[in-house]
C-alpha atoms as a PDB file:
ATOM      1  CA  MET A   1     197.003  86.578 129.469  1.00  0.00           C
ATOM      2  CA  ILE A   2     194.947  89.466 127.879  1.00  0.00           C
ATOM      3  CA  SER A   3     197.390  91.987 128.976  1.00  0.00           C
ATOM      4  CA  GLU A   4     200.084  90.417 127.634  1.00  0.00           C
ATOM      5  CA  ILE A   5     197.540  89.922 124.019  1.00  0.00           C
ATOM      6  CA  ASN A   6     197.229  93.497 124.205  1.00  0.00           C
ATOM      7  CA  ARG A   7     200.890  94.085 124.675  1.00  0.00           C
ATOM      8  CA  TRP A   8     202.032  91.991 121.646  1.00  0.00           C
ATOM      9  CA  SER A   9     199.073  93.251 119.297  1.00  0.00           C
ATOM     10  CA  THR A  10     200.107  96.771 119.645  1.00  0.00           C
ATOM     11  CA  GLY A  11     203.510  96.008 119.094  1.00  0.00           C
ATOM     12  CA  TRP A  12     202.346  94.278 115.803  1.00  0.00           C
ATOM     13  CA  VAL A  13     199.819  96.902 114.774  1.00  0.00           C
ATOM     14  CA  ASN A  14     202.721  99.847 115.267  1.00  0.00           C
ATOM     15  CA  TYR A  15     205.170  97.555 113.073  1.00  0.00           C
ATOM     16  CA  PHE A  16     202.526  96.033 110.557  1.00  0.00           C
ATOM     17  CA  GLY A  17     199.947  99.177 110.235  1.00  0.00           C
ATOM     18  CA  TYR A  18     201.150 100.979 106.892  1.00  0.00           C
ATOM     19  CA  GLY A  19     199.478 100.263 104.202  1.00  0.00           C
ATOM     20  CA  TYR A  20     195.867  99.042 104.248  1.00  0.00           C
ATOM     21  CA  PRO A  21     196.110  96.315 106.793  1.00  0.00           C
ATOM     22  CA  ARG A  22     192.578  96.284 107.703  1.00  0.00           C
ATOM     23  CA  VAL A  23     191.941  93.196 106.227  1.00  0.00           C
ATOM     24  CA  ALA A  24     194.490  91.547 107.668  1.00  0.00           C
ATOM     25  CA  PHE A  25     193.950  93.245 110.986  1.00  0.00           C
ATOM     26  CA  ARG A  26     190.170  91.694 111.155  1.00  0.00           C
ATOM     27  CA  ALA A  27     191.428  88.425 110.439  1.00  0.00           C
ATOM     28  CA  ILE A  28     194.284  88.177 113.199  1.00  0.00           C
ATOM     29  CA  HIS A  29     191.766  89.427 115.750  1.00  0.00           C
ATOM     30  CA  SER A  30     189.045  86.940 114.673  1.00  0.00           C
ATOM     31  CA  TYR A  31     191.732  84.194 115.554  1.00  0.00           C
ATOM     32  CA  ILE A  32     192.492  85.856 118.846  1.00  0.00           C
ATOM     33  CA  VAL A  33     188.953  86.071 120.115  1.00  0.00           C
ATOM     34  CA  GLU A  34     188.558  82.374 118.596  1.00  0.00           C
ATOM     35  CA  ARG A  35     191.790  81.201 120.825  1.00  0.00           C
ATOM     36  CA  LEU A  36     190.596  82.980 123.602  1.00  0.00           C
ATOM     37  CA  THR A  37     186.931  81.641 123.676  1.00  0.00           C
ATOM     38  CA  ASN A  38     188.712  77.872 123.269  1.00  0.00           C
ATOM     39  CA  HIS A  39     190.993  78.682 126.189  1.00  0.00           C
ATOM     40  CA  LEU A  40     188.140  79.913 128.527  1.00  0.00           C
ATOM     41  CA  GLN A  41     185.644  76.829 127.529  1.00  0.00           C
ATOM     42  CA  ARG A  42     188.693  74.144 128.117  1.00  0.00           C
ATOM     43  CA  ARG A  43     190.179  75.230 130.966  1.00  0.00           C
ATOM     44  CA  SER A  44     187.322  73.639 133.497  1.00  0.00           C
ATOM     45  CA  GLN A  45     186.124  70.471 133.683  1.00  0.00           C
ATOM     46  CA  ARG A  46     182.611  72.251 133.585  1.00  0.00           C
ATOM     47  CA  ALA A  47     181.311  74.492 130.264  1.00  0.00           C
ATOM     48  CA  TYR A  48     182.324  78.016 130.486  1.00  0.00           C
ATOM     49  CA  ARG A  49     179.303  80.514 129.461  1.00  0.00           C
ATOM     50  CA  PRO A  50     179.357  84.042 129.108  1.00  0.00           C
ATOM     51  CA  PRO A  51     177.184  85.838 131.446  1.00  0.00           C
ATOM     52  CA  GLU A  52     173.800  85.855 130.393  1.00  0.00           C
ATOM     53  CA  GLY A  53     172.423  88.162 127.314  1.00  0.00           C
ATOM     54  CA  LYS A  54     176.223  88.444 125.895  1.00  0.00           C
ATOM     55  CA  THR A  55     178.034  86.665 123.202  1.00  0.00           C
ATOM     56  CA  PHE A  56     181.492  84.963 123.617  1.00  0.00           C
ATOM     57  CA  TYR A  57     182.816  88.222 121.554  1.00  0.00           C
ATOM     58  CA  ALA A  58     181.361  90.793 123.424  1.00  0.00           C
ATOM     59  CA  HIS A  59     182.586  88.783 127.078  1.00  0.00           C
ATOM     60  CA  VAL A  60     186.171  88.794 125.712  1.00  0.00           C
ATOM     61  CA  HIS A  61     186.172  92.261 125.230  1.00  0.00           C
ATOM     62  CA  ASP A  62     184.370  93.137 128.578  1.00  0.00           C
ATOM     63  CA  LEU A  63     187.680  91.221 129.960  1.00  0.00           C
ATOM     64  CA  GLY A  64     190.041  94.015 128.251  1.00  0.00           C
ATOM     65  CA  LEU A  65     190.924  92.768 125.219  1.00  0.00           C
ATOM     66  CA  ARG A  66     191.394  95.544 122.569  1.00  0.00           C
ATOM     67  CA  ARG A  67     190.184  95.538 118.876  1.00  0.00           C
ATOM     68  CA  LEU A  68     193.388  95.748 116.173  1.00  0.00           C
END
């Protein structure tokens, strides 16, 4: 799923990357991280926790999510 999101976001960045899109990219990246975190927590009946000493944000990036 993360590879598909990376592919989609790379295409989106290439298409809409002209001008000064930093604020929009930051908002979209935050939304993607939030949705992936919700997905990880929802996919099992047990509570999903990131590894000890890591935040969900860092854990999602360790799984392979690229920053916009």
